[in-house]
Amino acid sequence: MIRHLVLFKLNDGVGRDEPRVIAGAKAFQELDGLVPELEFWECAWNITDRPIAYDFAINSAVADADALKRYLEHPAHQAAAAQWREFATWVIADYEF
């Protein structure tokens, strides 16, 4: 299994309540059930206000490297990520467990 973690940081001046941010979060929330490779999926907004904290997190799992590749190339994932490119940066970690 591969754990795929993503942490998003909204760009300066961008708020969670903006329509484009709400749409971006919804696009990721809707991936659960749309992408067959996802064996585990959760995403949510950060609940702390620490200055080093990121704003939104994805915690997911896939069976193997091929499944991760298919997930990353899936049109729904590509569309969701494209939305976030407009207003956020992110870091990713993929590891086997």
PDB file of N, CA and C in Angstrom:
ATOM      1  N   MET A   1       0.846  -1.192   0.000  1.00  0.00           N
ATOM      2  CA  MET A   1       0.000   0.000   0.000  1.00  0.00           C
ATOM      3  C   MET A   1       0.884   1.244   0.000  1.00  0.00           C
ATOM      4  N   ILE A   2       0.373   2.272  -0.622  1.00  0.00           N
ATOM      5  CA  ILE A   2       1.054   3.562  -0.642  1.00  0.00           C
ATOM      6  C   ILE A   2       0.126   4.605  -0.038  1.00  0.00           C
ATOM      7  N   ARG A   3       0.639   5.325   0.930  1.00  0.00           N
ATOM      8  CA  ARG A   3      -0.064   6.459   1.512  1.00  0.00           C
ATOM      9  C   ARG A   3       0.299   7.688   0.686  1.00  0.00           C
ATOM     10  N   HIS A   4      -0.704   8.451   0.292  1.00  0.00           N
ATOM     11  CA  HIS A   4      -0.513   9.683  -0.474  1.00  0.00           C
ATOM     12  C   HIS A   4      -1.057  10.833   0.370  1.00  0.00           C
ATOM     13  N   LEU A   5      -0.153  11.675   0.862  1.00  0.00           N
ATOM     14  CA  LEU A   5      -0.515  12.815   1.706  1.00  0.00           C
ATOM     15  C   LEU A   5      -0.260  14.111   0.960  1.00  0.00           C
ATOM     16  N   VAL A   6      -1.202  15.031   1.062  1.00  0.00           N
ATOM     17  CA  VAL A   6      -1.041  16.337   0.430  1.00  0.00           C
ATOM     18  C   VAL A   6      -1.504  17.399   1.418  1.00  0.00           C
ATOM     19  N   LEU A   7      -0.682  18.429   1.595  1.00  0.00           N
ATOM     20  CA  LEU A   7      -1.032  19.560   2.449  1.00  0.00           C
ATOM     21  C   LEU A   7      -1.045  20.816   1.598  1.00  0.00           C
ATOM     22  N   PHE A   8      -2.141  21.550   1.643  1.00  0.00           N
ATOM     23  CA  PHE A   8      -2.325  22.745   0.831  1.00  0.00           C
ATOM     24  C   PHE A   8      -2.229  24.000   1.694  1.00  0.00           C
ATOM     25  N   LYS A   9      -1.575  25.010   1.161  1.00  0.00           N
ATOM     26  CA  LYS A   9      -1.483  26.319   1.813  1.00  0.00           C
ATOM     27  C   LYS A   9      -2.117  27.342   0.874  1.00  0.00           C
ATOM     28  N   LEU A  10      -3.160  28.002   1.352  1.00  0.00           N
ATOM     29  CA  LEU A  10      -3.782  29.042   0.534  1.00  0.00           C
ATOM     30  C   LEU A  10      -2.804  30.195   0.338  1.00  0.00           C
ATOM     31  N   ASN A  11      -2.820  30.770  -0.845  1.00  0.00           N
ATOM     32  CA  ASN A  11      -1.969  31.920  -1.128  1.00  0.00           C
ATOM     33  C   ASN A  11      -2.390  33.107  -0.262  1.00  0.00           C
ATOM     34  N   ASP A  12      -1.469  34.018  -0.033  1.00  0.00           N
ATOM     35  CA  ASP A  12      -1.766  35.218   0.749  1.00  0.00           C
ATOM     36  C   ASP A  12      -2.985  35.930   0.163  1.00  0.00           C
ATOM     37  N   GLY A  13      -3.882  36.322   1.051  1.00  0.00           N
ATOM     38  CA  GLY A  13      -5.068  37.058   0.637  1.00  0.00           C
ATOM     39  C   GLY A  13      -6.227  36.194   0.179  1.00  0.00           C
ATOM     40  N   VAL A  14      -6.037  34.883   0.141  1.00  0.00           N
ATOM     41  CA  VAL A  14      -7.103  33.973  -0.289  1.00  0.00           C
ATOM     42  C   VAL A  14      -7.783  33.406   0.950  1.00  0.00           C
ATOM     43  N   GLY A  15      -9.106  33.458   0.983  1.00  0.00           N
ATOM     44  CA  GLY A  15      -9.861  32.956   2.126  1.00  0.00           C
ATOM     45  C   GLY A  15     -10.622  31.685   1.814  1.00  0.00           C
ATOM     46  N   ARG A  16     -10.868  30.913   2.834  1.00  0.00           N
ATOM     47  CA  ARG A  16     -11.603  29.656   2.686  1.00  0.00           C
ATOM     48  C   ARG A  16     -13.022  29.861   2.167  1.00  0.00           C
ATOM     49  N   ASP A  17     -13.571  31.038   2.404  1.00  0.00           N
ATOM     50  CA  ASP A  17     -14.965  31.292   2.042  1.00  0.00           C
ATOM     51  C   ASP A  17     -15.137  31.787   0.608  1.00  0.00           C
ATOM     52  N   GLU A  18     -14.047  31.911  -0.142  1.00  0.00           N
ATOM     53  CA  GLU A  18     -14.162  32.337  -1.531  1.00  0.00           C
ATOM     54  C   GLU A  18     -14.797  31.228  -2.373  1.00  0.00           C
ATOM     55  N   PRO A  19     -15.660  31.580  -3.303  1.00  0.00           N
ATOM     56  CA  PRO A  19     -16.329  30.560  -4.123  1.00  0.00           C
ATOM     57  C   PRO A  19     -15.365  29.601  -4.815  1.00  0.00           C
ATOM     58  N   ARG A  20     -14.244  30.087  -5.317  1.00  0.00           N
ATOM     59  CA  ARG A  20     -13.313  29.198  -6.018  1.00  0.00           C
ATOM     60  C   ARG A  20     -12.649  28.218  -5.056  1.00  0.00           C
ATOM     61  N   VAL A  21     -12.424  28.632  -3.821  1.00  0.00           N
ATOM     62  CA  VAL A  21     -11.834  27.752  -2.813  1.00  0.00           C
ATOM     63  C   VAL A  21     -12.867  26.709  -2.371  1.00  0.00           C
ATOM     64  N   ILE A  22     -14.085  27.140  -2.164  1.00  0.00           N
ATOM     65  CA  ILE A  22     -15.161  26.209  -1.813  1.00  0.00           C
ATOM     66  C   ILE A  22     -15.320  25.162  -2.916  1.00  0.00           C
ATOM     67  N   ALA A  23     -15.287  25.605  -4.168  1.00  0.00           N
ATOM     68  CA  ALA A  23     -15.407  24.676  -5.305  1.00  0.00           C
ATOM     69  C   ALA A  23     -14.217  23.717  -5.361  1.00  0.00           C
ATOM     70  N   GLY A  24     -13.025  24.217  -5.062  1.00  0.00           N
ATOM     71  CA  GLY A  24     -11.839  23.364  -5.062  1.00  0.00           C
ATOM     72  C   GLY A  24     -11.905  22.290  -3.989  1.00  0.00           C
ATOM     73  N   ALA A  25     -12.342  22.665  -2.799  1.00  0.00           N
ATOM     74  CA  ALA A  25     -12.485  21.687  -1.714  1.00  0.00           C
ATOM     75  C   ALA A  25     -13.546  20.652  -2.077  1.00  0.00           C
ATOM     76  N   LYS A  26     -14.634  21.094  -2.650  1.00  0.00           N
ATOM     77  CA  LYS A  26     -15.704  20.183  -3.054  1.00  0.00           C
ATOM     78  C   LYS A  26     -15.200  19.207  -4.117  1.00  0.00           C
ATOM     79  N   ALA A  27     -14.398  19.689  -5.059  1.00  0.00           N
ATOM     80  CA  ALA A  27     -13.867  18.818  -6.107  1.00  0.00           C
ATOM     81  C   ALA A  27     -13.032  17.696  -5.513  1.00  0.00           C
ATOM     82  N   PHE A  28     -12.233  17.994  -4.498  1.00  0.00           N
ATOM     83  CA  PHE A  28     -11.452  16.934  -3.859  1.00  0.00           C
ATOM     84  C   PHE A  28     -12.340  16.024  -3.011  1.00  0.00           C
ATOM     85  N   GLN A  29     -13.301  16.583  -2.308  1.00  0.00           N
ATOM     86  CA  GLN A  29     -14.198  15.749  -1.504  1.00  0.00           C
ATOM     87  C   GLN A  29     -14.947  14.748  -2.377  1.00  0.00           C
ATOM     88  N   GLU A  30     -15.275  15.136  -3.576  1.00  0.00           N
ATOM     89  CA  GLU A  30     -16.041  14.274  -4.476  1.00  0.00           C
ATOM     90  C   GLU A  30     -15.203  13.178  -5.135  1.00  0.00           C
ATOM     91  N   LEU A  31     -13.883  13.220  -4.987  1.00  0.00           N
ATOM     92  CA  LEU A  31     -13.062  12.147  -5.563  1.00  0.00           C
ATOM     93  C   LEU A  31     -13.341  10.804  -4.910  1.00  0.00           C
ATOM     94  N   ASP A  32     -13.755  10.819  -3.652  1.00  0.00           N
ATOM     95  CA  ASP A  32     -14.087   9.578  -2.963  1.00  0.00           C
ATOM     96  C   ASP A  32     -15.256   8.923  -3.693  1.00  0.00           C
ATOM     97  N   GLY A  33     -15.026   7.747  -4.217  1.00  0.00           N
ATOM     98  CA  GLY A  33     -16.056   7.051  -4.967  1.00  0.00           C
ATOM     99  C   GLY A  33     -15.960   7.241  -6.476  1.00  0.00           C
ATOM    100  N   LEU A  34     -15.286   8.289  -6.922  1.00  0.00           N
ATOM    101  CA  LEU A  34     -15.112   8.539  -8.357  1.00  0.00           C
ATOM    102  C   LEU A  34     -13.889   7.840  -8.928  1.00  0.00           C
ATOM    103  N   VAL A  35     -12.867   7.703  -8.112  1.00  0.00           N
ATOM    104  CA  VAL A  35     -11.596   7.152  -8.578  1.00  0.00           C
ATOM    105  C   VAL A  35     -11.438   5.749  -7.988  1.00  0.00           C
ATOM    106  N   PRO A  36     -11.549   4.717  -8.837  1.00  0.00           N
ATOM    107  CA  PRO A  36     -11.542   3.348  -8.303  1.00  0.00           C
ATOM    108  C   PRO A  36     -10.253   2.956  -7.589  1.00  0.00           C
ATOM    109  N   GLU A  37      -9.132   3.584  -7.916  1.00  0.00           N
ATOM    110  CA  GLU A  37      -7.852   3.238  -7.287  1.00  0.00           C
ATOM    111  C   GLU A  37      -7.775   3.632  -5.815  1.00  0.00           C
ATOM    112  N   LEU A  38      -8.608   4.542  -5.384  1.00  0.00           N
ATOM    113  CA  LEU A  38      -8.546   5.017  -4.000  1.00  0.00           C
ATOM    114  C   LEU A  38      -9.117   3.979  -3.046  1.00  0.00           C
ATOM    115  N   GLU A  39      -8.241   3.429  -2.207  1.00  0.00           N
ATOM    116  CA  GLU A  39      -8.680   2.455  -1.211  1.00  0.00           C
ATOM    117  C   GLU A  39      -9.044   3.135   0.109  1.00  0.00           C
ATOM    118  N   PHE A  40      -8.516   4.319   0.309  1.00  0.00           N
ATOM    119  CA  PHE A  40      -8.834   5.130   1.484  1.00  0.00           C
ATOM    120  C   PHE A  40      -8.795   6.575   1.045  1.00  0.00           C
ATOM    121  N   TRP A  41      -9.739   7.369   1.534  1.00  0.00           N
ATOM    122  CA  TRP A  41      -9.784   8.772   1.141  1.00  0.00           C
ATOM    123  C   TRP A  41     -10.390   9.597   2.253  1.00  0.00           C
ATOM    124  N   GLU A  42      -9.682  10.654   2.629  1.00  0.00           N
ATOM    125  CA  GLU A  42     -10.259  11.673   3.497  1.00  0.00           C
ATOM    126  C   GLU A  42      -9.584  12.988   3.196  1.00  0.00           C
ATOM    127  N   CYS A  43     -10.353  14.044   3.320  1.00  0.00           N
ATOM    128  CA  CYS A  43      -9.793  15.385   3.159  1.00  0.00           C
ATOM    129  C   CYS A  43     -10.603  16.333   4.033  1.00  0.00           C
ATOM    130  N   ALA A  44      -9.925  17.367   4.531  1.00  0.00           N
ATOM    131  CA  ALA A  44     -10.592  18.283   5.452  1.00  0.00           C
ATOM    132  C   ALA A  44      -9.755  19.538   5.649  1.00  0.00           C
ATOM    133  N   TRP A  45     -10.424  20.558   6.164  1.00  0.00           N
ATOM    134  CA  TRP A  45      -9.753  21.802   6.522  1.00  0.00           C
ATOM    135  C   TRP A  45      -9.036  21.654   7.853  1.00  0.00           C
ATOM    136  N   ASN A  46      -7.892  22.279   7.978  1.00  0.00           N
ATOM    137  CA  ASN A  46      -7.157  22.359   9.236  1.00  0.00           C
ATOM    138  C   ASN A  46      -8.008  23.090  10.271  1.00  0.00           C
ATOM    139  N   ILE A  47      -7.955  22.630  11.500  1.00  0.00           N
ATOM    140  CA  ILE A  47      -8.769  23.249  12.554  1.00  0.00           C
ATOM    141  C   ILE A  47      -7.943  24.088  13.527  1.00  0.00           C
ATOM    142  N   THR A  48      -6.625  24.169  13.317  1.00  0.00           N
ATOM    143  CA  THR A  48      -5.798  24.972  14.216  1.00  0.00           C
ATOM    144  C   THR A  48      -5.394  26.274  13.536  1.00  0.00           C
ATOM    145  N   ASP A  49      -4.941  27.228  14.345  1.00  0.00           N
ATOM    146  CA  ASP A  49      -4.548  28.518  13.786  1.00  0.00           C
ATOM    147  C   ASP A  49      -3.053  28.803  13.950  1.00  0.00           C
ATOM    148  N   ARG A  50      -2.269  27.748  14.090  1.00  0.00           N
ATOM    149  CA  ARG A  50      -0.820  27.937  14.222  1.00  0.00           C
ATOM    150  C   ARG A  50      -0.252  28.476  12.914  1.00  0.00           C
ATOM    151  N   PRO A  51       0.680  29.403  12.973  1.00  0.00           N
ATOM    152  CA  PRO A  51       1.181  30.037  11.757  1.00  0.00           C
ATOM    153  C   PRO A  51       1.894  29.081  10.800  1.00  0.00           C
ATOM    154  N   ILE A  52       2.439  27.978  11.293  1.00  0.00           N
ATOM    155  CA  ILE A  52       3.141  27.050  10.406  1.00  0.00           C
ATOM    156  C   ILE A  52       2.201  26.013   9.791  1.00  0.00           C
ATOM    157  N   ALA A  53       0.951  26.012  10.212  1.00  0.00           N
ATOM    158  CA  ALA A  53       0.005  25.005   9.747  1.00  0.00           C
ATOM    159  C   ALA A  53      -0.417  25.250   8.302  1.00  0.00           C
ATOM    160  N   TYR A  54      -0.653  24.160   7.599  1.00  0.00           N
ATOM    161  CA  TYR A  54      -1.244  24.242   6.267  1.00  0.00           C
ATOM    162  C   TYR A  54      -2.758  24.322   6.426  1.00  0.00           C
ATOM    163  N   ASP A  55      -3.453  24.628   5.341  1.00  0.00           N
ATOM    164  CA  ASP A  55      -4.885  24.921   5.433  1.00  0.00           C
ATOM    165  C   ASP A  55      -5.811  23.742   5.156  1.00  0.00           C
ATOM    166  N   PHE A  56      -5.426  22.876   4.235  1.00  0.00           N
ATOM    167  CA  PHE A  56      -6.302  21.781   3.796  1.00  0.00           C
ATOM    168  C   PHE A  56      -5.436  20.548   3.625  1.00  0.00           C
ATOM    169  N   ALA A  57      -5.970  19.379   3.975  1.00  0.00           N
ATOM    170  CA  ALA A  57      -5.177  18.149   3.910  1.00  0.00           C
ATOM    171  C   ALA A  57      -5.943  17.041   3.200  1.00  0.00           C
ATOM    172  N   ILE A  58      -5.179  16.238   2.469  1.00  0.00           N
ATOM    173  CA  ILE A  58      -5.692  15.006   1.874  1.00  0.00           C
ATOM    174  C   ILE A  58      -4.855  13.863   2.424  1.00  0.00           C
ATOM    175  N   ASN A  59      -5.533  12.829   2.880  1.00  0.00           N
ATOM    176  CA  ASN A  59      -4.898  11.609   3.354  1.00  0.00           C
ATOM    177  C   ASN A  59      -5.562  10.474   2.590  1.00  0.00           C
ATOM    178  N   SER A  60      -4.783   9.778   1.762  1.00  0.00           N
ATOM    179  CA  SER A  60      -5.369   8.725   0.947  1.00  0.00           C
ATOM    180  C   SER A  60      -4.415   7.547   0.830  1.00  0.00           C
ATOM    181  N   ALA A  61      -4.936   6.445   0.303  1.00  0.00           N
ATOM    182  CA  ALA A  61      -4.118   5.257   0.109  1.00  0.00           C
ATOM    183  C   ALA A  61      -4.542   4.552  -1.171  1.00  0.00           C
ATOM    184  N   VAL A  62      -3.543   3.986  -1.842  1.00  0.00           N
ATOM    185  CA  VAL A  62      -3.748   3.192  -3.051  1.00  0.00           C
ATOM    186  C   VAL A  62      -2.929   1.908  -2.904  1.00  0.00           C
ATOM    187  N   ALA A  63      -3.209   0.937  -3.761  1.00  0.00           N
ATOM    188  CA  ALA A  63      -2.589  -0.378  -3.621  1.00  0.00           C
ATOM    189  C   ALA A  63      -1.100  -0.384  -3.923  1.00  0.00           C
ATOM    190  N   ASP A  64      -0.689   0.331  -4.966  1.00  0.00           N
ATOM    191  CA  ASP A  64       0.709   0.251  -5.404  1.00  0.00           C
ATOM    192  C   ASP A  64       1.044   1.446  -6.300  1.00  0.00           C
ATOM    193  N   ALA A  65       2.265   1.459  -6.808  1.00  0.00           N
ATOM    194  CA  ALA A  65       2.733   2.584  -7.630  1.00  0.00           C
ATOM    195  C   ALA A  65       1.904   2.748  -8.897  1.00  0.00           C
ATOM    196  N   ASP A  66       1.472   1.645  -9.491  1.00  0.00           N
ATOM    197  CA  ASP A  66       0.638   1.745 -10.696  1.00  0.00           C
ATOM    198  C   ASP A  66      -0.709   2.390 -10.375  1.00  0.00           C
ATOM    199  N   ALA A  67      -1.288   2.020  -9.248  1.00  0.00           N
ATOM    200  CA  ALA A  67      -2.558   2.616  -8.836  1.00  0.00           C
ATOM    201  C   ALA A  67      -2.386   4.103  -8.539  1.00  0.00           C
ATOM    202  N   LEU A  68      -1.269   4.478  -7.929  1.00  0.00           N
ATOM    203  CA  LEU A  68      -1.000   5.894  -7.668  1.00  0.00           C
ATOM    204  C   LEU A  68      -0.906   6.661  -8.981  1.00  0.00           C
ATOM    205  N   LYS A  69      -0.218   6.096  -9.946  1.00  0.00           N
ATOM    206  CA  LYS A  69      -0.089   6.741 -11.261  1.00  0.00           C
ATOM    207  C   LYS A  69      -1.459   6.919 -11.910  1.00  0.00           C
ATOM    208  N   ARG A  70      -2.301   5.895 -11.863  1.00  0.00           N
ATOM    209  CA  ARG A  70      -3.639   5.997 -12.451  1.00  0.00           C
ATOM    210  C   ARG A  70      -4.474   7.046 -11.720  1.00  0.00           C
ATOM    211  N   TYR A  71      -4.366   7.088 -10.397  1.00  0.00           N
ATOM    212  CA  TYR A  71      -5.079   8.112  -9.625  1.00  0.00           C
ATOM    213  C   TYR A  71      -4.630   9.508 -10.039  1.00  0.00           C
ATOM    214  N   LEU A  72      -3.328   9.724 -10.089  1.00  0.00           N
ATOM    215  CA  LEU A  72      -2.809  11.047 -10.430  1.00  0.00           C
ATOM    216  C   LEU A  72      -3.214  11.483 -11.832  1.00  0.00           C
ATOM    217  N   GLU A  73      -3.352  10.527 -12.740  1.00  0.00           N
ATOM    218  CA  GLU A  73      -3.728  10.835 -14.122  1.00  0.00           C
ATOM    219  C   GLU A  73      -5.240  10.852 -14.344  1.00  0.00           C
ATOM    220  N   HIS A  74      -6.007  10.450 -13.353  1.00  0.00           N
ATOM    221  CA  HIS A  74      -7.463  10.401 -13.506  1.00  0.00           C
ATOM    222  C   HIS A  74      -7.997  11.806 -13.810  1.00  0.00           C
ATOM    223  N   PRO A  75      -8.899  11.938 -14.780  1.00  0.00           N
ATOM    224  CA  PRO A  75      -9.418  13.263 -15.147  1.00  0.00           C
ATOM    225  C   PRO A  75     -10.026  14.044 -13.984  1.00  0.00           C
ATOM    226  N   ALA A  76     -10.707  13.368 -13.066  1.00  0.00           N
ATOM    227  CA  ALA A  76     -11.301  14.075 -11.927  1.00  0.00           C
ATOM    228  C   ALA A  76     -10.225  14.630 -11.003  1.00  0.00           C
ATOM    229  N   HIS A  77      -9.145  13.871 -10.802  1.00  0.00           N
ATOM    230  CA  HIS A  77      -8.039  14.372  -9.990  1.00  0.00           C
ATOM    231  C   HIS A  77      -7.360  15.541 -10.693  1.00  0.00           C
ATOM    232  N   GLN A  78      -7.112  15.408 -11.965  1.00  0.00           N
ATOM    233  CA  GLN A  78      -6.469  16.484 -12.731  1.00  0.00           C
ATOM    234  C   GLN A  78      -7.296  17.768 -12.666  1.00  0.00           C
ATOM    235  N   ALA A  79      -8.603  17.643 -12.787  1.00  0.00           N
ATOM    236  CA  ALA A  79      -9.480  18.820 -12.734  1.00  0.00           C
ATOM    237  C   ALA A  79      -9.464  19.482 -11.364  1.00  0.00           C
ATOM    238  N   ALA A  80      -9.484  18.662 -10.305  1.00  0.00           N
ATOM    239  CA  ALA A  80      -9.455  19.211  -8.946  1.00  0.00           C
ATOM    240  C   ALA A  80      -8.130  19.927  -8.690  1.00  0.00           C
ATOM    241  N   ALA A  81      -7.018  19.284  -9.042  1.00  0.00           N
ATOM    242  CA  ALA A  81      -5.704  19.895  -8.825  1.00  0.00           C
ATOM    243  C   ALA A  81      -5.569  21.191  -9.607  1.00  0.00           C
ATOM    244  N   ALA A  82      -6.130  21.248 -10.812  1.00  0.00           N
ATOM    245  CA  ALA A  82      -6.050  22.464 -11.622  1.00  0.00           C
ATOM    246  C   ALA A  82      -6.731  23.635 -10.923  1.00  0.00           C
ATOM    247  N   GLN A  83      -7.825  23.361 -10.238  1.00  0.00           N
ATOM    248  CA  GLN A  83      -8.500  24.436  -9.505  1.00  0.00           C
ATOM    249  C   GLN A  83      -7.598  25.004  -8.417  1.00  0.00           C
ATOM    250  N   TRP A  84      -6.934  24.102  -7.668  1.00  0.00           N
ATOM    251  CA  TRP A  84      -6.103  24.532  -6.548  1.00  0.00           C
ATOM    252  C   TRP A  84      -4.872  25.302  -7.011  1.00  0.00           C
ATOM    253  N   ARG A  85      -4.384  25.032  -8.217  1.00  0.00           N
ATOM    254  CA  ARG A  85      -3.212  25.764  -8.722  1.00  0.00           C
ATOM    255  C   ARG A  85      -3.462  27.268  -8.795  1.00  0.00           C
ATOM    256  N   GLU A  86      -4.713  27.659  -8.892  1.00  0.00           N
ATOM    257  CA  GLU A  86      -5.071  29.078  -9.004  1.00  0.00           C
ATOM    258  C   GLU A  86      -4.930  29.834  -7.688  1.00  0.00           C
ATOM    259  N   PHE A  87      -4.970  29.129  -6.552  1.00  0.00           N
ATOM    260  CA  PHE A  87      -5.026  29.863  -5.281  1.00  0.00           C
ATOM    261  C   PHE A  87      -4.228  29.248  -4.137  1.00  0.00           C
ATOM    262  N   ALA A  88      -3.429  28.205  -4.409  1.00  0.00           N
ATOM    263  CA  ALA A  88      -2.712  27.543  -3.311  1.00  0.00           C
ATOM    264  C   ALA A  88      -1.416  26.911  -3.809  1.00  0.00           C
ATOM    265  N   THR A  89      -0.559  26.601  -2.844  1.00  0.00           N
ATOM    266  CA  THR A  89       0.618  25.766  -3.092  1.00  0.00           C
ATOM    267  C   THR A  89       0.465  24.538  -2.210  1.00  0.00           C
ATOM    268  N   TRP A  90       1.261  23.508  -2.484  1.00  0.00           N
ATOM    269  CA  TRP A  90       1.141  22.306  -1.670  1.00  0.00           C
ATOM    270  C   TRP A  90       2.420  21.510  -1.627  1.00  0.00           C
ATOM    271  N   VAL A  91       2.467  20.615  -0.640  1.00  0.00           N
ATOM    272  CA  VAL A  91       3.555  19.656  -0.488  1.00  0.00           C
ATOM    273  C   VAL A  91       2.935  18.268  -0.470  1.00  0.00           C
ATOM    274  N   ILE A  92       3.724  17.300  -0.926  1.00  0.00           N
ATOM    275  CA  ILE A  92       3.230  15.937  -1.068  1.00  0.00           C
ATOM    276  C   ILE A  92       4.232  14.972  -0.451  1.00  0.00           C
ATOM    277  N   ALA A  93       3.707  13.904   0.139  1.00  0.00           N
ATOM    278  CA  ALA A  93       4.533  12.787   0.579  1.00  0.00           C
ATOM    279  C   ALA A  93       3.823  11.502   0.192  1.00  0.00           C
ATOM    280  N   ASP A  94       4.548  10.616  -0.462  1.00  0.00           N
ATOM    281  CA  ASP A  94       4.051   9.285  -0.818  1.00  0.00           C
ATOM    282  C   ASP A  94       4.982   8.274  -0.181  1.00  0.00           C
ATOM    283  N   TYR A  95       4.424   7.330   0.576  1.00  0.00           N
ATOM    284  CA  TYR A  95       5.285   6.319   1.201  1.00  0.00           C
ATOM    285  C   TYR A  95       4.555   4.991   1.278  1.00  0.00           C
ATOM    286  N   GLU A  96       5.334   3.927   1.296  1.00  0.00           N
ATOM    287  CA  GLU A  96       4.757   2.586   1.412  1.00  0.00           C
ATOM    288  C   GLU A  96       4.550   2.259   2.889  1.00  0.00           C
ATOM    289  N   PHE A  97       3.481   1.540   3.140  1.00  0.00           N
ATOM    290  CA  PHE A  97       3.206   1.102   4.514  1.00  0.00           C
ATOM    291  C   PHE A  97       2.632  -0.290   4.503  1.00  0.00           C
TER     292      PHE A  97
END
